[in-house]
Amino acid sequence: MAVKSVRLSVGSIFPKGPGKIYFYRYQVDGHRKTVSLQTTNRAEALRKAEEFIPIIKATSTEVIAAHVQQAKGFATAKRDLPLSGVWDYYSMHPDRANPATVHEQLQYKDFRRYLLQI
């Protein structure tokens, strides 16, 4: 008995080939697209296909870019840093400019003192 495809809210998944690798097929602007999910496990294929749905349903390029960054792990949660901890956070960053940061640190401290006086 052949394994049938599974319909999702957008598109469907189906196994293909001798290894029965699952693929996700969907339609964008009247064109059919097929993406390999690179798994033979049906539950894992469903999970991977569900990750594509928000990207496919997105209406603007900004929303799509945000979803792609989130999926690739580029997007990180924003932190609320107190002004007193900003320099310590910056000084621990691996991409900081070094040794030119001594002057910037002095300027930052002066700026902080100015803000505290206001």
N, C-alpha and C. Protein backbone atom coordinates (compact mmCIF):
# COMPACT_ATOMS: atom_id res chain seq x y z
N MET A 1 0.84 -1.18 0.00
CA MET A 1 0.00 0.00 0.00
C MET A 1 0.88 1.24 0.00
N ALA A 2 0.60 2.16 -0.86
CA ALA A 2 1.39 3.37 -0.99
C ALA A 2 1.07 4.35 0.14
N VAL A 3 2.10 5.09 0.55
CA VAL A 3 1.91 6.11 1.58
C VAL A 3 1.36 7.35 0.90
N LYS A 4 0.27 7.88 1.43
CA LYS A 4 -0.39 9.02 0.81
C LYS A 4 0.19 10.33 1.34
N SER A 5 -0.12 11.37 0.62
CA SER A 5 0.32 12.70 1.05
C SER A 5 -0.57 13.20 2.18
N VAL A 6 -0.04 14.15 2.92
CA VAL A 6 -0.77 14.75 4.03
C VAL A 6 -0.99 16.22 3.69
N ARG A 7 -2.24 16.65 3.68
CA ARG A 7 -2.55 18.05 3.38
C ARG A 7 -2.39 18.89 4.64
N LEU A 8 -1.81 20.06 4.44
CA LEU A 8 -1.66 21.03 5.52
C LEU A 8 -2.48 22.27 5.18
N SER A 9 -2.45 23.27 6.04
CA SER A 9 -3.23 24.48 5.74
C SER A 9 -2.74 25.15 4.46
N VAL A 10 -1.45 25.06 4.19
CA VAL A 10 -0.88 25.54 2.93
C VAL A 10 0.03 24.43 2.42
N GLY A 11 -0.33 23.82 1.31
CA GLY A 11 0.50 22.78 0.71
C GLY A 11 0.28 21.41 1.31
N SER A 12 1.21 20.50 0.98
CA SER A 12 1.11 19.14 1.49
C SER A 12 2.50 18.52 1.52
N ILE A 13 2.64 17.45 2.32
CA ILE A 13 3.89 16.71 2.35
C ILE A 13 3.64 15.34 1.74
N PHE A 14 4.68 14.79 1.11
CA PHE A 14 4.55 13.47 0.51
C PHE A 14 5.93 12.83 0.44
N PRO A 15 5.98 11.48 0.54
CA PRO A 15 7.26 10.78 0.40
C PRO A 15 7.58 10.55 -1.07
N LYS A 16 8.87 10.49 -1.39
CA LYS A 16 9.27 10.33 -2.77
C LYS A 16 10.61 9.60 -2.83
N GLY A 17 10.78 8.79 -3.84
CA GLY A 17 12.06 8.14 -4.09
C GLY A 17 12.22 6.83 -3.33
N PRO A 18 13.34 6.15 -3.58
CA PRO A 18 13.56 4.84 -2.95
C PRO A 18 13.74 4.93 -1.44
N GLY A 19 14.29 6.04 -0.93
CA GLY A 19 14.48 6.19 0.51
C GLY A 19 13.26 6.75 1.20
N LYS A 20 12.22 7.07 0.43
CA LYS A 20 10.97 7.65 0.95
C LYS A 20 11.23 8.92 1.75
N ILE A 21 12.03 9.80 1.18
CA ILE A 21 12.28 11.10 1.79
C ILE A 21 11.06 11.98 1.57
N TYR A 22 10.67 12.72 2.61
CA TYR A 22 9.49 13.57 2.52
C TYR A 22 9.82 14.90 1.86
N PHE A 23 8.86 15.38 1.07
CA PHE A 23 8.95 16.66 0.39
C PHE A 23 7.73 17.48 0.76
N TYR A 24 7.88 18.80 0.71
CA TYR A 24 6.79 19.72 0.99
C TYR A 24 6.49 20.47 -0.30
N ARG A 25 5.25 20.40 -0.75
CA ARG A 25 4.84 21.07 -1.98
C ARG A 25 3.80 22.13 -1.63
N TYR A 26 4.03 23.33 -2.17
CA TYR A 26 3.10 24.44 -1.95
C TYR A 26 3.06 25.29 -3.21
N GLN A 27 2.16 26.25 -3.23
CA GLN A 27 1.96 27.08 -4.42
C GLN A 27 2.08 28.56 -4.04
N VAL A 28 2.90 29.29 -4.81
CA VAL A 28 3.09 30.73 -4.60
C VAL A 28 2.90 31.43 -5.93
N ASP A 29 1.99 32.38 -5.96
CA ASP A 29 1.70 33.15 -7.18
C ASP A 29 1.44 32.25 -8.39
N GLY A 30 0.73 31.17 -8.18
CA GLY A 30 0.38 30.27 -9.27
C GLY A 30 1.49 29.32 -9.69
N HIS A 31 2.63 29.36 -9.02
CA HIS A 31 3.74 28.46 -9.35
C HIS A 31 3.90 27.43 -8.23
N ARG A 32 4.01 26.18 -8.61
CA ARG A 32 4.16 25.10 -7.66
C ARG A 32 5.63 24.98 -7.25
N LYS A 33 5.89 24.93 -5.96
CA LYS A 33 7.25 24.81 -5.42
C LYS A 33 7.33 23.52 -4.61
N THR A 34 8.47 22.84 -4.69
CA THR A 34 8.69 21.62 -3.92
C THR A 34 10.01 21.74 -3.18
N VAL A 35 9.99 21.46 -1.87
CA VAL A 35 11.18 21.57 -1.04
C VAL A 35 11.40 20.24 -0.33
N SER A 36 12.64 19.76 -0.36
CA SER A 36 12.97 18.53 0.36
C SER A 36 13.03 18.82 1.85
N LEU A 37 12.39 17.99 2.64
CA LEU A 37 12.43 18.13 4.10
C LEU A 37 13.56 17.31 4.70
N GLN A 38 14.23 16.52 3.89
CA GLN A 38 15.42 15.74 4.25
C GLN A 38 15.21 14.87 5.48
N THR A 39 14.09 14.20 5.51
CA THR A 39 13.81 13.26 6.58
C THR A 39 12.91 12.15 6.05
N THR A 40 13.01 10.99 6.67
CA THR A 40 12.13 9.88 6.32
C THR A 40 11.07 9.67 7.39
N ASN A 41 11.14 10.44 8.46
CA ASN A 41 10.19 10.34 9.56
C ASN A 41 9.01 11.27 9.30
N ARG A 42 7.81 10.72 9.33
CA ARG A 42 6.61 11.50 9.00
C ARG A 42 6.35 12.62 10.01
N ALA A 43 6.52 12.34 11.30
CA ALA A 43 6.26 13.36 12.32
C ALA A 43 7.25 14.51 12.20
N GLU A 44 8.51 14.19 11.94
CA GLU A 44 9.52 15.23 11.77
C GLU A 44 9.25 16.04 10.50
N ALA A 45 8.78 15.36 9.46
CA ALA A 45 8.44 16.05 8.21
C ALA A 45 7.29 17.03 8.44
N LEU A 46 6.30 16.64 9.21
CA LEU A 46 5.19 17.54 9.52
C LEU A 46 5.68 18.77 10.28
N ARG A 47 6.58 18.55 11.25
CA ARG A 47 7.11 19.65 12.03
C ARG A 47 7.90 20.62 11.15
N LYS A 48 8.75 20.08 10.27
CA LYS A 48 9.55 20.93 9.38
C LYS A 48 8.67 21.69 8.39
N ALA A 49 7.63 21.04 7.90
CA ALA A 49 6.73 21.70 6.95
C ALA A 49 5.95 22.82 7.63
N GLU A 50 5.56 22.63 8.87
CA GLU A 50 4.84 23.66 9.61
C GLU A 50 5.69 24.92 9.79
N GLU A 51 7.02 24.77 9.81
CA GLU A 51 7.90 25.92 9.95
C GLU A 51 7.87 26.80 8.70
N PHE A 52 7.55 26.22 7.54
CA PHE A 52 7.50 26.98 6.29
C PHE A 52 6.22 27.81 6.16
N ILE A 53 5.15 27.39 6.81
CA ILE A 53 3.83 28.00 6.59
C ILE A 53 3.80 29.50 6.90
N PRO A 54 4.36 29.99 8.03
CA PRO A 54 4.31 31.44 8.25
C PRO A 54 5.04 32.24 7.18
N ILE A 55 6.12 31.69 6.64
CA ILE A 55 6.87 32.38 5.59
C ILE A 55 6.04 32.45 4.32
N ILE A 56 5.36 31.36 3.99
CA ILE A 56 4.56 31.32 2.76
C ILE A 56 3.35 32.24 2.87
N LYS A 57 2.75 32.32 4.06
CA LYS A 57 1.57 33.15 4.25
C LYS A 57 1.90 34.63 4.42
N ALA A 58 3.16 34.98 4.63
CA ALA A 58 3.56 36.37 4.87
C ALA A 58 3.25 37.23 3.64
N THR A 59 2.89 38.48 3.90
CA THR A 59 2.47 39.36 2.81
C THR A 59 3.54 40.36 2.40
N SER A 60 4.49 40.68 3.28
CA SER A 60 5.50 41.68 2.93
C SER A 60 6.90 41.10 3.07
N THR A 61 7.85 41.74 2.42
CA THR A 61 9.23 41.25 2.47
C THR A 61 9.84 41.41 3.86
N GLU A 62 9.40 42.42 4.63
CA GLU A 62 9.92 42.61 5.98
C GLU A 62 9.51 41.45 6.89
N VAL A 63 8.27 41.02 6.75
CA VAL A 63 7.78 39.90 7.55
C VAL A 63 8.51 38.63 7.17
N ILE A 64 8.71 38.42 5.88
CA ILE A 64 9.43 37.23 5.41
C ILE A 64 10.86 37.25 5.93
N ALA A 65 11.53 38.39 5.86
CA ALA A 65 12.91 38.50 6.35
C ALA A 65 12.99 38.20 7.84
N ALA A 66 12.01 38.67 8.60
CA ALA A 66 12.00 38.40 10.04
C ALA A 66 11.83 36.91 10.31
N HIS A 67 10.95 36.24 9.56
CA HIS A 67 10.75 34.80 9.75
C HIS A 67 12.01 34.03 9.38
N VAL A 68 12.67 34.42 8.30
CA VAL A 68 13.88 33.72 7.87
C VAL A 68 14.99 33.91 8.90
N GLN A 69 15.15 35.12 9.42
CA GLN A 69 16.17 35.35 10.44
C GLN A 69 15.89 34.54 11.70
N GLN A 70 14.65 34.46 12.09
CA GLN A 70 14.27 33.67 13.25
C GLN A 70 14.58 32.20 13.03
N ALA A 71 14.24 31.69 11.84
CA ALA A 71 14.47 30.28 11.54
C ALA A 71 15.95 29.95 11.50
N LYS A 72 16.76 30.85 10.98
CA LYS A 72 18.19 30.60 10.89
C LYS A 72 18.92 30.88 12.20
N GLY A 73 18.22 31.45 13.15
CA GLY A 73 18.84 31.72 14.44
C GLY A 73 19.58 33.04 14.50
N PHE A 74 19.39 33.90 13.51
CA PHE A 74 20.07 35.19 13.51
C PHE A 74 19.39 36.18 14.43
N ALA A 75 18.11 36.06 14.59
CA ALA A 75 17.36 36.99 15.43
C ALA A 75 17.52 36.58 16.89
N THR A 76 17.81 37.53 17.72
CA THR A 76 17.96 37.25 19.14
C THR A 76 16.98 38.13 19.91
N ALA A 77 16.68 37.70 21.09
CA ALA A 77 15.77 38.47 21.94
C ALA A 77 16.45 39.77 22.36
N LYS A 78 15.70 40.85 22.37
CA LYS A 78 16.26 42.13 22.77
C LYS A 78 16.37 42.18 24.29
N ARG A 79 17.43 42.82 24.75
CA ARG A 79 17.65 42.94 26.18
C ARG A 79 17.38 44.38 26.62
N ASP A 80 16.87 44.50 27.81
CA ASP A 80 16.75 45.81 28.42
C ASP A 80 17.94 45.98 29.35
N LEU A 81 18.91 46.77 28.91
CA LEU A 81 20.11 47.00 29.71
C LEU A 81 19.99 48.32 30.44
N PRO A 82 20.35 48.33 31.71
CA PRO A 82 20.41 49.62 32.39
C PRO A 82 21.60 50.40 31.83
N LEU A 83 21.50 51.70 31.88
CA LEU A 83 22.56 52.54 31.32
C LEU A 83 23.90 52.27 32.00
N SER A 84 23.87 51.89 33.25
CA SER A 84 25.12 51.62 33.97
C SER A 84 25.81 50.34 33.48
N GLY A 85 25.08 49.43 32.84
CA GLY A 85 25.67 48.18 32.40
C GLY A 85 26.00 48.11 30.93
N VAL A 86 25.76 49.20 30.20
CA VAL A 86 25.96 49.18 28.75
C VAL A 86 27.44 49.01 28.41
N TRP A 87 28.31 49.76 29.07
CA TRP A 87 29.73 49.67 28.72
C TRP A 87 30.29 48.28 29.03
N ASP A 88 29.90 47.69 30.14
CA ASP A 88 30.37 46.34 30.48
C ASP A 88 29.93 45.33 29.43
N TYR A 89 28.71 45.48 28.96
CA TYR A 89 28.20 44.58 27.92
C TYR A 89 29.00 44.76 26.63
N TYR A 90 29.27 46.01 26.26
CA TYR A 90 30.04 46.28 25.04
C TYR A 90 31.47 45.76 25.16
N SER A 91 32.09 45.94 26.32
CA SER A 91 33.49 45.54 26.47
C SER A 91 33.67 44.03 26.41
N MET A 92 32.62 43.26 26.64
CA MET A 92 32.71 41.80 26.55
C MET A 92 32.43 41.28 25.14
N HIS A 93 31.96 42.16 24.25
CA HIS A 93 31.60 41.72 22.89
C HIS A 93 32.86 41.40 22.10
N PRO A 94 32.88 40.27 21.38
CA PRO A 94 34.10 39.88 20.65
C PRO A 94 34.42 40.77 19.45
N ASP A 95 33.45 41.51 18.91
CA ASP A 95 33.69 42.33 17.72
C ASP A 95 33.96 43.80 18.05
N ARG A 96 34.25 44.10 19.29
CA ARG A 96 34.47 45.50 19.65
C ARG A 96 35.82 45.98 19.09
N ALA A 97 35.93 47.28 18.92
CA ALA A 97 37.18 47.88 18.46
C ALA A 97 38.14 47.99 19.64
N ASN A 98 39.29 47.41 19.50
CA ASN A 98 40.25 47.41 20.59
C ASN A 98 41.61 47.80 20.04
N PRO A 99 42.42 48.61 20.58
CA PRO A 99 42.43 49.32 21.86
C PRO A 99 41.83 50.72 21.77
N ALA A 100 41.17 51.06 20.68
CA ALA A 100 40.62 52.41 20.50
C ALA A 100 39.44 52.69 21.42
N THR A 101 39.07 51.76 22.25
CA THR A 101 37.87 51.93 23.08
C THR A 101 38.12 52.73 24.34
N VAL A 102 39.37 53.05 24.67
CA VAL A 102 39.64 53.81 25.88
C VAL A 102 39.00 55.20 25.78
N HIS A 103 39.17 55.85 24.67
CA HIS A 103 38.59 57.18 24.47
C HIS A 103 37.06 57.12 24.48
N GLU A 104 36.50 56.10 23.84
CA GLU A 104 35.04 55.95 23.82
C GLU A 104 34.50 55.70 25.22
N GLN A 105 35.25 54.96 26.03
CA GLN A 105 34.80 54.70 27.39
C GLN A 105 34.75 56.00 28.20
N LEU A 106 35.74 56.85 28.02
CA LEU A 106 35.74 58.14 28.72
C LEU A 106 34.58 59.01 28.26
N GLN A 107 34.31 59.02 26.96
CA GLN A 107 33.17 59.79 26.44
C GLN A 107 31.85 59.24 26.98
N TYR A 108 31.75 57.93 27.06
CA TYR A 108 30.52 57.31 27.56
C TYR A 108 30.30 57.69 29.02
N LYS A 109 31.37 57.66 29.83
CA LYS A 109 31.23 58.02 31.24
C LYS A 109 30.80 59.48 31.39
N ASP A 110 31.37 60.38 30.57
CA ASP A 110 30.95 61.78 30.61
C ASP A 110 29.48 61.92 30.21
N PHE A 111 29.07 61.19 29.21
CA PHE A 111 27.67 61.23 28.76
C PHE A 111 26.74 60.74 29.86
N ARG A 112 27.14 59.69 30.55
CA ARG A 112 26.32 59.15 31.65
C ARG A 112 26.19 60.17 32.77
N ARG A 113 27.31 60.81 33.11
CA ARG A 113 27.26 61.84 34.15
C ARG A 113 26.32 62.99 33.75
N TYR A 114 26.37 63.35 32.48
CA TYR A 114 25.49 64.41 31.96
C TYR A 114 24.02 64.01 32.09
N LEU A 115 23.70 62.77 31.73
CA LEU A 115 22.31 62.31 31.82
C LEU A 115 21.83 62.24 33.27
N LEU A 116 22.71 61.91 34.18
CA LEU A 116 22.32 61.84 35.59
C LEU A 116 22.06 63.24 36.17
N GLN A 117 22.70 64.26 35.60
CA GLN A 117 22.49 65.63 36.08
C GLN A 117 21.18 66.22 35.60
N ILE A 118 20.65 65.74 34.52
CA ILE A 118 19.42 66.29 33.96
C ILE A 118 18.23 65.97 34.81
